[in-house]
Amino acid sequence: AGQPAVISHNEKSLGKHPPRVLSWPQLRQQVASLALHLQAQGVQPGDRVAAYLPNVPEAIVAFLASASIGAVWSICAPDMGVHAVLDRFRQIEPKVLIACDGVTHGGQDQDRLAVVAQLRAALPTVRHLLMLDQLGALSRADAALEHVDLALACGRDDAQTRAFEPLWLAFDHPLWIVYSSGTTGLPKPIVHGHGGSTLVTMELVGLHNDV
């Protein structure tokens, strides 16, 4: 139970600080907390949850929380610009947007609050915005950018989170949406189901990595 489930370094911490580690119980608690939060916001099976996040533990938690309640996950990296993200997310009409205030790349902090504000304004189906405070920039966010701190949404630990169980879903229930390159027009959304994605993952870790 105490074994690491997630080990994460970022550009700022590498070689300077220990990695961030989530144990399996910690991962389960955070996933359950966020899943219950999403359900409280009216997210139902089949609703889309869109993320504008880097490769951080919170992205794993958010994906698993969405999948556990039957929501359909889709993510774009925060180095993508407004138009590239909207070309993708507009087509899937997300109910929830999970975004970060910025990223660090090449030793430089890159604020993304203005991009997030534009995304929020251009996605009328989004009813709820969760924000990850990566750079400490959320305090500067425009008051009109109404949001909930992702850390708070993941921080609940009580009888309900401990009793939480993921939904049983059909083999072909949508899990996530990825996109074609968009070289011949708008990027085309491609839906992958729970069952097929699980089989491919089993193949990769079992046959290729001998896990």
Protein backbone atom coordinates (compact mmCIF):
# COMPACT_ATOMS: atom_id res chain seq x y z
CA ALA A 1 0.00 0.00 0.00
CA GLY A 2 2.90 2.34 0.67
CA GLN A 3 4.57 1.70 -2.68
CA PRO A 4 4.80 4.64 -5.09
CA ALA A 5 2.02 4.89 -7.66
CA VAL A 6 3.29 8.13 -9.23
CA ILE A 7 6.83 9.53 -9.19
CA SER A 8 7.21 12.95 -10.75
CA HIS A 9 10.05 15.38 -11.46
CA ASN A 10 9.67 18.72 -13.15
CA GLU A 11 12.16 21.11 -14.68
CA LYS A 12 12.45 23.18 -11.52
CA SER A 13 12.88 20.29 -9.10
CA LEU A 14 15.15 17.97 -11.08
CA GLY A 15 18.48 17.71 -9.30
CA LYS A 16 17.41 20.22 -6.64
CA HIS A 17 14.54 18.63 -4.76
CA PRO A 18 13.23 15.09 -4.21
CA PRO A 19 10.61 13.93 -6.70
CA ARG A 20 6.94 14.23 -5.92
CA VAL A 21 5.58 10.84 -4.92
CA LEU A 22 1.99 9.65 -4.60
CA SER A 23 1.41 6.31 -2.90
CA TRP A 24 -1.42 4.08 -4.06
CA PRO A 25 -3.66 5.10 -1.12
CA GLN A 26 -2.92 8.77 -1.80
CA LEU A 27 -3.71 8.34 -5.48
CA ARG A 28 -6.96 6.58 -4.67
CA GLN A 29 -7.97 9.29 -2.17
CA GLN A 30 -7.32 12.12 -4.61
CA VAL A 31 -9.10 10.35 -7.46
CA ALA A 32 -12.12 9.66 -5.26
CA SER A 33 -12.19 13.25 -4.01
CA LEU A 34 -12.10 14.73 -7.50
CA ALA A 35 -14.59 12.19 -8.86
CA LEU A 36 -17.10 13.14 -6.16
CA HIS A 37 -16.45 16.82 -6.87
CA LEU A 38 -17.15 16.32 -10.57
CA GLN A 39 -20.34 14.41 -9.81
CA ALA A 40 -21.43 17.24 -7.50
CA GLN A 41 -21.00 19.60 -10.46
CA GLY A 42 -23.42 17.51 -12.49
CA VAL A 43 -20.91 15.50 -14.54
CA GLN A 44 -22.55 12.32 -15.78
CA PRO A 45 -21.38 9.33 -17.86
CA GLY A 46 -20.66 10.47 -21.39
CA ASP A 47 -19.96 14.11 -20.47
CA ARG A 48 -16.62 15.41 -21.67
CA VAL A 49 -13.88 16.67 -19.35
CA ALA A 50 -11.24 18.69 -21.20
CA ALA A 51 -7.80 19.39 -19.75
CA TYR A 52 -5.16 21.98 -20.58
CA LEU A 53 -2.40 20.50 -18.45
CA PRO A 54 1.25 19.41 -18.62
CA ASN A 55 2.54 15.97 -17.62
CA VAL A 56 2.03 16.30 -13.87
CA PRO A 57 0.52 14.01 -11.21
CA GLU A 58 -2.65 16.11 -11.20
CA ALA A 59 -3.26 15.17 -14.84
CA ILE A 60 -3.17 11.49 -13.88
CA VAL A 61 -5.55 12.10 -10.98
CA ALA A 62 -7.94 14.10 -13.17
CA PHE A 63 -7.94 11.47 -15.91
CA LEU A 64 -8.64 8.63 -13.48
CA ALA A 65 -11.33 10.63 -11.69
CA SER A 66 -13.07 11.36 -14.99
CA ALA A 67 -12.82 7.77 -16.17
CA SER A 68 -14.09 6.42 -12.85
CA ILE A 69 -17.45 8.20 -13.25
CA GLY A 70 -17.84 7.48 -16.96
CA ALA A 71 -16.85 10.94 -18.20
CA VAL A 72 -14.83 11.15 -21.41
CA TRP A 73 -11.33 12.61 -21.09
CA SER A 74 -9.47 14.79 -23.57
CA ILE A 75 -6.25 16.73 -23.04
CA CYS A 76 -4.14 19.33 -24.83
CA ALA A 77 -0.67 20.39 -23.72
CA PRO A 78 -0.31 23.97 -22.45
CA ASP A 79 2.32 24.76 -25.07
CA MET A 80 -0.52 24.77 -27.60
CA GLY A 81 -2.07 28.11 -28.50
CA VAL A 82 -5.68 29.20 -28.20
CA HIS A 83 -6.73 28.41 -31.77
CA ALA A 84 -5.13 24.94 -31.79
CA VAL A 85 -6.88 24.01 -28.56
CA LEU A 86 -10.24 25.42 -29.64
CA ASP A 87 -10.03 23.54 -32.94
CA ARG A 88 -10.12 20.40 -30.82
CA PHE A 89 -12.19 21.19 -27.73
CA ARG A 90 -15.00 23.01 -29.54
CA GLN A 91 -15.84 19.81 -31.38
CA ILE A 92 -16.29 17.74 -28.22
CA GLU A 93 -18.31 20.33 -26.22
CA PRO A 94 -16.79 19.76 -22.77
CA LYS A 95 -18.77 20.33 -19.60
CA VAL A 96 -15.66 20.81 -17.44
CA LEU A 97 -12.31 22.45 -18.20
CA ILE A 98 -9.26 21.67 -16.06
CA ALA A 99 -6.35 24.02 -16.72
CA CYS A 100 -3.10 25.34 -15.27
CA ASP A 101 -1.93 28.89 -14.69
CA GLY A 102 1.30 28.23 -16.57
CA VAL A 103 4.31 26.01 -17.16
CA THR A 104 8.09 26.19 -16.94
CA HIS A 105 9.99 25.52 -20.16
CA GLY A 106 13.67 26.07 -20.82
CA GLY A 107 14.05 27.62 -17.39
CA GLN A 108 11.40 30.25 -18.09
CA ASP A 109 7.96 30.50 -16.50
CA GLN A 110 5.26 30.85 -19.14
CA ASP A 111 2.00 32.33 -17.87
CA ARG A 112 -1.11 30.76 -19.42
CA LEU A 113 -3.85 32.65 -17.56
CA ALA A 114 -4.73 34.77 -20.59
CA VAL A 115 -5.00 31.65 -22.74
CA VAL A 116 -7.22 29.93 -20.17
CA ALA A 117 -9.48 32.99 -20.02
CA GLN A 118 -9.85 32.92 -23.81
CA LEU A 119 -10.59 29.20 -23.79
CA ARG A 120 -13.20 29.62 -21.08
CA ALA A 121 -14.90 32.44 -22.98
CA ALA A 122 -14.92 30.51 -26.26
CA LEU A 123 -16.30 27.25 -24.85
CA PRO A 124 -19.94 27.95 -23.93
CA THR A 125 -20.62 24.36 -22.89
CA VAL A 126 -18.11 24.58 -20.02
CA ARG A 127 -20.01 24.93 -16.76
CA HIS A 128 -17.12 24.44 -14.35
CA LEU A 129 -13.44 25.44 -14.37
CA LEU A 130 -10.79 23.83 -12.19
CA MET A 131 -7.35 25.45 -12.02
CA LEU A 132 -3.96 23.98 -11.11
CA ASP A 133 -1.70 26.56 -9.47
CA GLN A 134 1.65 25.65 -11.04
CA LEU A 135 3.37 29.04 -10.96
CA GLY A 136 1.58 30.77 -8.10
CA ALA A 137 -0.13 33.01 -10.64
CA LEU A 138 -3.74 32.28 -9.69
CA SER A 139 -3.75 35.19 -7.26
CA ARG A 140 -3.35 37.44 -10.31
CA ALA A 141 -6.21 35.83 -12.21
CA ASP A 142 -8.98 38.12 -13.38
CA ALA A 143 -11.92 38.00 -10.99
CA ALA A 144 -14.09 37.10 -13.98
CA LEU A 145 -12.18 33.82 -14.33
CA GLU A 146 -14.34 32.02 -11.81
CA HIS A 147 -12.74 28.72 -10.84
CA VAL A 148 -12.14 26.13 -8.14
CA ASP A 149 -8.61 25.27 -7.01
CA LEU A 150 -7.83 21.77 -8.28
CA ALA A 151 -5.82 21.02 -5.13
CA LEU A 152 -8.89 21.68 -2.98
CA ALA A 153 -11.07 19.50 -5.20
CA CYS A 154 -8.55 16.67 -4.77
CA GLY A 155 -8.06 17.19 -1.04
CA ARG A 156 -11.18 15.68 0.46
CA ASP A 157 -10.58 12.67 2.73
CA ASP A 158 -13.62 11.38 4.57
CA ALA A 159 -16.00 8.43 4.76
CA GLN A 160 -17.44 9.16 1.33
CA THR A 161 -14.08 9.25 -0.43
CA ARG A 162 -13.02 6.07 1.32
CA ALA A 163 -16.25 4.37 0.26
CA PHE A 164 -16.09 5.60 -3.35
CA GLU A 165 -16.15 2.93 -6.05
CA PRO A 166 -15.72 3.52 -9.78
CA LEU A 167 -18.72 2.89 -12.01
CA TRP A 168 -19.05 -0.37 -13.89
CA LEU A 169 -19.16 0.55 -17.56
CA ALA A 170 -19.65 -1.21 -20.88
CA PHE A 171 -16.59 -2.51 -22.73
CA ASP A 172 -17.08 0.09 -25.47
CA HIS A 173 -17.96 3.03 -23.19
CA PRO A 174 -15.89 6.05 -24.34
CA LEU A 175 -12.74 6.59 -22.28
CA TRP A 176 -10.86 9.37 -24.03
CA ILE A 177 -10.73 11.45 -27.17
CA VAL A 178 -7.53 12.03 -29.12
CA TYR A 179 -7.13 13.92 -32.38
CA SER A 180 -5.68 13.56 -35.84
CA SER A 181 -2.93 15.97 -36.86
CA GLY A 182 -5.24 18.42 -38.60
CA THR A 183 -3.02 18.70 -41.67
CA THR A 184 -5.98 18.37 -44.06
CA GLY A 185 -8.50 20.43 -42.11
CA LEU A 186 -9.72 20.55 -38.54
CA PRO A 187 -8.21 17.87 -36.27
CA LYS A 188 -10.58 14.89 -36.25
CA PRO A 189 -11.64 13.60 -32.81
CA ILE A 190 -10.98 9.88 -32.35
CA VAL A 191 -12.82 8.13 -29.51
CA HIS A 192 -11.26 5.15 -27.72
CA GLY A 193 -13.27 2.92 -25.38
CA HIS A 194 -12.44 1.54 -21.94
CA GLY A 195 -12.11 -2.06 -23.05
CA GLY A 196 -9.88 -1.55 -26.06
CA SER A 197 -7.61 0.87 -24.21
CA THR A 198 -7.27 -1.58 -21.33
CA LEU A 199 -6.33 -4.42 -23.69
CA VAL A 200 -3.70 -2.29 -25.44
CA THR A 201 -2.26 -1.24 -22.07
CA MET A 202 -2.11 -4.88 -20.94
CA GLU A 203 -0.29 -5.72 -24.17
CA LEU A 204 2.23 -2.92 -23.73
CA VAL A 205 3.10 -3.57 -20.09
CA GLY A 206 2.77 -7.35 -20.31
CA LEU A 207 4.44 -8.20 -23.60
CA HIS A 208 6.74 -5.25 -24.17
CA ASN A 209 7.75 -4.39 -20.60
CA ASP A 210 7.31 -7.86 -19.06
CA VAL A 211 5.36 -6.47 -16.11
